[in-house]
Amino acid sequence: MFFVASKLIWALIRPETLILLLIAGGLFALWRGRRRLGLGLAGSGLFCFALIGLLPLGELLIRPLEIRYPAKPPVSDVRGIIVLGGGEQSSRSHYWQMPLVNGAGDRFLAAIALANRFPEAKLIFTGGRGGLRQKGPGGDAVTQQIFLSAGLAPDRLMLEGKSRNTAENARFARDMLGGDTGGSWLLVTSAAHMPRAMQSFCAAGWTGLTAWPTDYRSLPLWPVWRRLDWRLPDNLITLDSAVHEWLGLLAYRLTGRAQSGDCGG
């Protein structure tokens, strides 16, 4: 129920949905003869779209999440590398019969580089079907193709394809190991997602974790006039990601799926 509810609620409260509701409410008010209210609502919606298209508001929100953990921290004696799903495109990969990735595909690049750096480390992928209506092979099938084509030995891979969210990633990955999560583990996911991921793994009983963030979305915001540009699609995607992560972190905290503090090594 949590998985279904989270998807439905997010569809209703994501920034572009709220802005479209403003504009739709304005048009409805105009149709009903409420000219002042209608112009105010529709104008507010259009102003929000213009503001998002011109200013990197998403980067302003996402940056505190991305700098929570350092990039490329010093590590040694790594027992395993955990890669979270979300960078693969399962449906398109199945249709085109080749592994395809999305904007979070940096997770796989980072995992392959780390696997080559630590040849004795196990490589765990955890991620199944994150969409309500997703069909075809899960993320584990696509990931297997990516890792094998990169020359990684099959006996190093542990693939989990049933989890649907970050909390399940943490629990199902732990279950794959029979609860034996001792040693040093690297957790690879997008930098903005890393705070929620680390807290979810802590809540699931993991210890000895080191965050290995990737897929950064933000740049320095100052001086702001150098960042002024019309980039509505890109800015909206970043804003969606930032709002999604902040709300997700709050929801996970309230439901006990995330644990504040540090369970790192």
Protein backbone atom coordinates (compact mmCIF):
# COMPACT_ATOMS: atom_id res chain seq x y z
CA MET A 1 0.00 0.00 0.00
CA PHE A 2 2.83 2.42 0.77
CA PHE A 3 4.29 1.87 -2.72
CA VAL A 4 0.96 2.48 -4.50
CA ALA A 5 0.04 5.45 -2.30
CA SER A 6 3.44 7.09 -2.80
CA LYS A 7 3.13 6.86 -6.60
CA LEU A 8 -0.40 8.24 -6.68
CA ILE A 9 0.30 11.07 -4.23
CA TRP A 10 3.45 12.09 -6.08
CA ALA A 11 1.55 12.23 -9.39
CA LEU A 12 -0.84 14.73 -7.78
CA ILE A 13 1.65 16.98 -6.00
CA ARG A 14 4.60 17.14 -8.39
CA PRO A 15 5.38 20.76 -9.35
CA GLU A 16 4.08 20.68 -12.93
CA THR A 17 0.82 19.09 -11.79
CA LEU A 18 0.22 21.85 -9.25
CA ILE A 19 1.01 24.53 -11.84
CA LEU A 20 -1.33 22.95 -14.38
CA LEU A 21 -4.05 22.83 -11.72
CA LEU A 22 -3.54 26.55 -11.14
CA ILE A 23 -3.96 27.28 -14.84
CA ALA A 24 -6.92 24.92 -15.16
CA GLY A 25 -8.53 26.50 -12.11
CA GLY A 26 -8.03 29.91 -13.65
CA LEU A 27 -9.64 28.87 -16.93
CA PHE A 28 -12.56 27.32 -15.05
CA ALA A 29 -13.01 30.53 -13.05
CA LEU A 30 -13.00 32.58 -16.26
CA TRP A 31 -15.60 30.25 -17.75
CA ARG A 32 -17.74 30.78 -14.67
CA GLY A 33 -17.43 34.54 -15.03
CA ARG A 34 -14.95 35.03 -12.16
CA ARG A 35 -12.61 37.14 -14.27
CA ARG A 36 -10.40 38.51 -11.51
CA LEU A 37 -9.93 35.13 -9.81
CA GLY A 38 -9.41 33.37 -13.14
CA LEU A 39 -6.75 35.79 -14.34
CA GLY A 40 -5.01 35.59 -10.98
CA LEU A 41 -4.85 31.79 -10.94
CA ALA A 42 -3.90 31.37 -14.59
CA GLY A 43 -1.39 34.19 -14.40
CA SER A 44 0.21 32.65 -11.30
CA GLY A 45 0.57 29.34 -13.08
CA LEU A 46 2.17 30.91 -16.14
CA PHE A 47 4.47 32.97 -13.92
CA CYS A 48 5.61 29.80 -12.12
CA PHE A 49 6.39 28.12 -15.44
CA ALA A 50 8.37 31.19 -16.55
CA LEU A 51 10.27 31.31 -13.27
CA ILE A 52 11.18 27.61 -13.48
CA GLY A 53 12.25 27.96 -17.09
CA LEU A 54 14.50 30.93 -16.40
CA LEU A 55 16.02 30.19 -12.98
CA PRO A 56 17.76 27.00 -11.72
CA LEU A 57 15.37 26.65 -8.77
CA GLY A 58 15.70 22.86 -8.81
CA GLU A 59 19.45 23.10 -8.38
CA LEU A 60 18.96 25.39 -5.39
CA LEU A 61 16.82 22.70 -3.74
CA ILE A 62 18.85 19.69 -4.81
CA ARG A 63 22.30 21.00 -3.91
CA PRO A 64 21.97 20.49 -0.09
CA LEU A 65 21.16 16.83 -0.79
CA GLU A 66 24.05 16.38 -3.22
CA ILE A 67 26.71 17.79 -0.89
CA ARG A 68 25.61 15.69 2.11
CA TYR A 69 28.25 13.05 1.26
CA PRO A 70 31.64 13.73 -0.34
CA ALA A 71 32.37 12.64 -3.89
CA LYS A 72 34.91 9.81 -4.35
CA PRO A 73 35.74 9.28 -0.64
CA PRO A 74 38.88 7.30 0.31
CA VAL A 75 38.04 3.60 0.69
CA SER A 76 39.89 0.30 1.09
CA ASP A 77 39.24 -3.38 1.82
CA VAL A 78 35.86 -3.24 0.11
CA ARG A 79 33.75 -6.36 0.57
CA GLY A 80 31.05 -5.37 -1.87
CA ILE A 81 29.48 -2.69 -4.04
CA ILE A 82 25.73 -2.07 -3.90
CA VAL A 83 24.14 -0.37 -6.91
CA LEU A 84 20.58 0.88 -6.61
CA GLY A 85 18.17 0.58 -9.51
CA GLY A 86 16.74 3.57 -11.30
CA GLY A 87 19.38 4.14 -13.97
CA GLU A 88 18.06 1.48 -16.34
CA GLN A 89 15.20 1.68 -18.85
CA SER A 90 13.66 -1.77 -18.65
CA SER A 91 10.73 -1.37 -21.03
CA ARG A 92 12.77 0.32 -23.79
CA SER A 93 15.59 -2.17 -23.30
CA HIS A 94 13.14 -5.03 -23.75
CA TYR A 95 11.61 -3.43 -26.86
CA TRP A 96 14.92 -2.63 -28.57
CA GLN A 97 16.66 -5.77 -27.33
CA MET A 98 19.65 -3.88 -25.92
CA PRO A 99 20.48 -2.40 -22.50
CA LEU A 100 19.44 1.26 -22.32
CA VAL A 101 19.92 3.72 -19.48
CA ASN A 102 18.44 7.07 -18.50
CA GLY A 103 19.88 10.20 -16.88
CA ALA A 104 20.87 8.19 -13.79
CA GLY A 105 22.97 5.77 -15.83
CA ASP A 106 26.07 7.21 -14.16
CA ARG A 107 25.37 4.68 -11.42
CA PHE A 108 26.47 1.87 -13.73
CA LEU A 109 29.59 3.71 -14.89
CA ALA A 110 30.60 4.27 -11.26
CA ALA A 111 29.85 0.65 -10.33
CA ILE A 112 31.90 -0.76 -13.21
CA ALA A 113 34.85 1.50 -12.35
CA LEU A 114 34.67 0.44 -8.70
CA ALA A 115 34.36 -3.23 -9.63
CA ASN A 116 37.54 -2.97 -11.69
CA ARG A 117 39.28 -1.11 -8.87
CA PHE A 118 38.29 -3.74 -6.31
CA PRO A 119 38.36 -7.05 -8.23
CA GLU A 120 37.59 -9.17 -5.16
CA ALA A 121 34.45 -7.24 -4.22
CA LYS A 122 30.97 -8.61 -4.82
CA LEU A 123 28.68 -6.48 -6.96
CA ILE A 124 25.06 -6.30 -5.82
CA PHE A 125 22.29 -4.72 -7.87
CA THR A 126 18.91 -4.17 -6.24
CA GLY A 127 16.00 -2.76 -8.20
CA GLY A 128 12.97 -4.23 -9.87
CA ARG A 129 9.90 -2.48 -11.22
CA GLY A 130 9.58 1.04 -9.87
CA GLY A 131 6.47 1.95 -11.89
CA LEU A 132 2.86 1.02 -11.22
CA ARG A 133 2.30 -0.27 -14.76
CA GLN A 134 5.80 -1.37 -15.71
CA LYS A 135 5.88 -4.56 -17.76
CA GLY A 136 8.57 -6.75 -19.23
CA PRO A 137 11.89 -7.69 -17.61
CA GLY A 138 12.89 -5.92 -14.41
CA GLY A 139 15.95 -3.79 -13.84
CA ASP A 140 18.03 -6.80 -12.87
CA ALA A 141 17.86 -8.26 -16.39
CA VAL A 142 19.05 -5.01 -17.97
CA THR A 143 21.76 -4.57 -15.36
CA GLN A 144 23.07 -8.09 -15.92
CA GLN A 145 23.55 -7.29 -19.61
CA ILE A 146 25.35 -4.04 -18.77
CA PHE A 147 27.76 -5.64 -16.29
CA LEU A 148 28.48 -8.72 -18.40
CA SER A 149 29.13 -6.62 -21.50
CA ALA A 150 31.62 -4.61 -19.40
CA GLY A 151 33.59 -7.81 -18.83
CA LEU A 152 32.64 -8.47 -15.20
CA ALA A 153 32.65 -12.12 -14.14
CA PRO A 154 29.14 -13.60 -13.65
CA ASP A 155 30.08 -15.15 -10.29
CA ARG A 156 30.70 -11.68 -8.86
CA LEU A 157 27.14 -10.52 -9.56
CA MET A 158 24.21 -10.70 -7.15
CA LEU A 159 21.05 -9.40 -8.81
CA GLU A 160 17.77 -8.63 -7.05
CA GLY A 161 14.76 -7.71 -9.18
CA LYS A 162 11.72 -7.59 -6.90
CA SER A 163 12.21 -4.39 -4.91
CA ARG A 164 10.08 -1.40 -5.87
CA ASN A 165 11.49 1.39 -3.72
CA THR A 166 14.53 2.34 -1.65
CA ALA A 167 13.31 0.74 1.56
CA GLU A 168 12.83 -2.58 -0.25
CA ASN A 169 16.25 -2.18 -1.91
CA ALA A 170 17.81 -2.14 1.54
CA ARG A 171 15.81 -5.07 2.95
CA PHE A 172 16.02 -7.34 -0.06
CA ALA A 173 19.75 -6.75 -0.53
CA ARG A 174 20.29 -7.67 3.13
CA ASP A 175 18.18 -10.80 2.67
CA MET A 176 20.31 -11.85 -0.33
CA LEU A 177 23.27 -11.99 2.04
CA GLY A 178 21.37 -13.90 4.70
CA GLY A 179 21.63 -10.89 6.98
CA ASP A 180 25.45 -10.97 6.91
CA THR A 181 26.13 -7.32 6.12
CA GLY A 182 29.45 -7.10 7.96
CA GLY A 183 32.52 -5.58 6.36
CA SER A 184 32.96 -2.53 4.20
CA TRP A 185 30.30 -1.82 1.57
CA LEU A 186 30.03 0.95 -1.01
CA LEU A 187 26.56 2.27 -1.76
CA VAL A 188 26.23 3.68 -5.28
CA THR A 189 23.28 5.86 -6.24
CA SER A 190 22.49 9.39 -7.41
CA ALA A 191 23.90 12.08 -5.14
CA ALA A 192 20.48 13.62 -4.48
CA HIS A 193 19.07 10.20 -3.59
CA MET A 194 21.98 9.27 -1.33
CA PRO A 195 20.66 10.76 1.97
CA ARG A 196 17.42 8.77 1.73
CA ALA A 197 19.29 5.68 0.53
CA MET A 198 21.80 5.74 3.39
CA GLN A 199 19.11 6.29 6.00
CA SER A 200 17.01 3.48 4.51
CA PHE A 201 19.93 1.05 4.63
CA CYS A 202 20.68 2.09 8.20
CA ALA A 203 17.06 1.45 9.16
CA ALA A 204 17.30 -2.01 7.53
CA GLY A 205 20.24 -2.96 9.74
CA TRP A 206 23.20 -2.31 7.47
CA THR A 207 26.54 -1.20 8.95
CA GLY A 208 29.90 -0.38 7.44
CA LEU A 209 28.38 1.58 4.56
CA THR A 210 30.26 4.23 2.62
CA ALA A 211 28.28 6.49 0.32
CA TRP A 212 29.58 6.70 -3.25
CA PRO A 213 27.37 9.38 -4.84
CA THR A 214 27.16 9.92 -8.57
CA ASP A 215 24.80 11.49 -11.14
CA TYR A 216 25.17 15.07 -9.88
CA ARG A 217 22.61 17.59 -11.14
CA SER A 218 23.76 20.92 -9.67
CA LEU A 219 26.40 23.52 -10.49
CA PRO A 220 27.56 26.56 -8.49
CA LEU A 221 24.67 29.04 -8.43
CA TRP A 222 26.71 32.21 -8.02
CA PRO A 223 26.86 34.57 -9.81
CA VAL A 224 23.22 33.87 -10.60
CA TRP A 225 23.11 36.10 -13.68
CA ARG A 226 25.44 33.70 -15.44
CA ARG A 227 22.89 30.93 -14.93
CA LEU A 228 19.97 32.81 -16.45
CA ASP A 229 18.79 30.89 -19.50
CA TRP A 230 15.56 29.47 -20.87
CA ARG A 231 15.79 25.75 -20.01
CA LEU A 232 12.29 24.79 -18.96
CA PRO A 233 12.52 21.00 -19.60
CA ASP A 234 15.88 20.56 -17.85
CA ASN A 235 15.02 22.87 -14.97
CA LEU A 236 11.67 21.18 -14.45
CA ILE A 237 13.25 17.71 -14.35
CA THR A 238 15.76 18.87 -11.74
CA LEU A 239 13.02 20.56 -9.70
CA ASP A 240 10.94 17.38 -9.82
CA SER A 241 13.90 15.33 -8.60
CA ALA A 242 14.65 17.75 -5.77
CA VAL A 243 11.04 17.97 -4.52
CA HIS A 244 10.64 14.20 -4.86
CA GLU A 245 13.71 13.51 -2.73
CA TRP A 246 12.85 16.01 0.01
CA LEU A 247 9.30 14.69 0.26
CA GLY A 248 10.53 11.11 0.05
CA LEU A 249 12.97 11.68 2.88
CA LEU A 250 10.19 13.17 5.02
CA ALA A 251 7.80 10.31 4.25
CA TYR A 252 10.45 7.68 5.00
CA ARG A 253 11.27 9.34 8.32
CA LEU A 254 7.60 9.52 9.35
CA THR A 255 6.96 5.86 8.46
CA GLY A 256 10.14 4.47 10.02
CA ARG A 257 11.69 3.49 6.68
CA ALA A 258 14.64 5.83 7.23
CA GLN A 259 16.84 6.26 10.27
CA SER A 260 18.61 9.49 11.06
CA GLY A 261 22.27 9.28 12.01
CA ASP A 262 25.17 7.50 10.38
CA CYS A 263 25.72 3.75 10.04
CA GLY A 264 28.81 4.13 7.91
CA GLY A 265 32.09 2.39 8.37
